[in-house]
Amino acid sequence: MKVFYHNDNDGKCAAHIVDRYYNLDPPDHASQLLIKYYPMEYGKQFPIEDVIKDEKVYILDYSIEPEEMKELLEITKDVIWIDHHKSAIEKYDDLLSELHFNGDDIEGYRAITFSGCELTWLYLHPPNEGKEMPEYVNLIGDRDTWRWEHGDKTKYFHYGLGMSSCDPLDEIWQMAMRNVNTIIGSGTAISVYVQEQSINAINERGFWIDFHGFKTYAINSDLVRSSEFFEQARPDAQIWMTFRFIPNSLRAHFEGYWTISLYSKEVDVSQIANQYEYEGKIGGGHAGASGFQSADLSFLKD
């Protein structure tokens, strides 16, 4: 079995939930499975050549292009696709209609109301089973969908996760399963430093641009990865943008692409992101948080 997951905390937690379901919760299953995990980024080539005929494949908190999905379904029909990104789901309207017309479908959950890890839990543990969603899954979903129902608890838990890689088999998930408060305690201390560094970077290195007709504050930084700090430092912006260069390899520092993240409380940035395409990958995401890739910096003049 292979699991392809978005390489952020939501996607990593979703992949962990799959591992927990098959390998860590023996009452649920008769035998363990050998699972191979693939962290995925938008813009990264989907390794379809690794998929074996008729094997089970999970695609979590992430999507491949509809044409790639068609090719994948030719190799195996046992595909479970779980995603909550608005633009990705909309791209599949035609393919899903075609499949439904032929009496087929793509197994999984797609909905924008929950995060990828929450949808994965609900898929593997339907509500009628009576198995409550773990607190750590809900806290990750709370931030990823920007609900913030748990306020500082969600924020500090997120920072606490920063102590670890959070890869699907990382020990941090065992800690989260036992008691989230240990992680929250660590995150409380970390958050003070991260907030100070992020706001300083925004103030010292950011700049204003007109982006698709919207007043936008942009920064070339790998540090600022949340609209939370932009809201504090530049609340008058309609769109907040971060961009950073991703080298193709450690040896090819000047060869690669730019990855751009857009955040907004008033503009549907997914509609802007999906106007950009890089190596066949179209940008997208949520209404309030989306991204795309670019070969150069020409997007700063759009």
Foldseek 3Di string as FASTA:
>chain_A
DEEEFAQDLLRQLLLLVVQCQQPVDCVNDPHHDDYHYHHDDFVDDDPLVPDAAADAYEYFQDDDQPVVVVVSVVRHLNYEYFHQFVVRVVNCPVVQVVQVVVVHHHHADYHNPWGRNVRSCCSSQPVVNVDDDQPLSVLVRCVVSVVCPVPLQSQLLVQLCVVDSSHSPDCVVVVSNVPSVVSSVVSVVRVVVLLVVQLVQQVPAWDWAQAPNFTEIEGADPSDDDCVSVCVNPVPGQKYKYKYFDAPDPVGPPHGKMKMKIFGPHAQCQVVQQVDDDPRGGWGGGRGMTIHIGRDDCSRHD
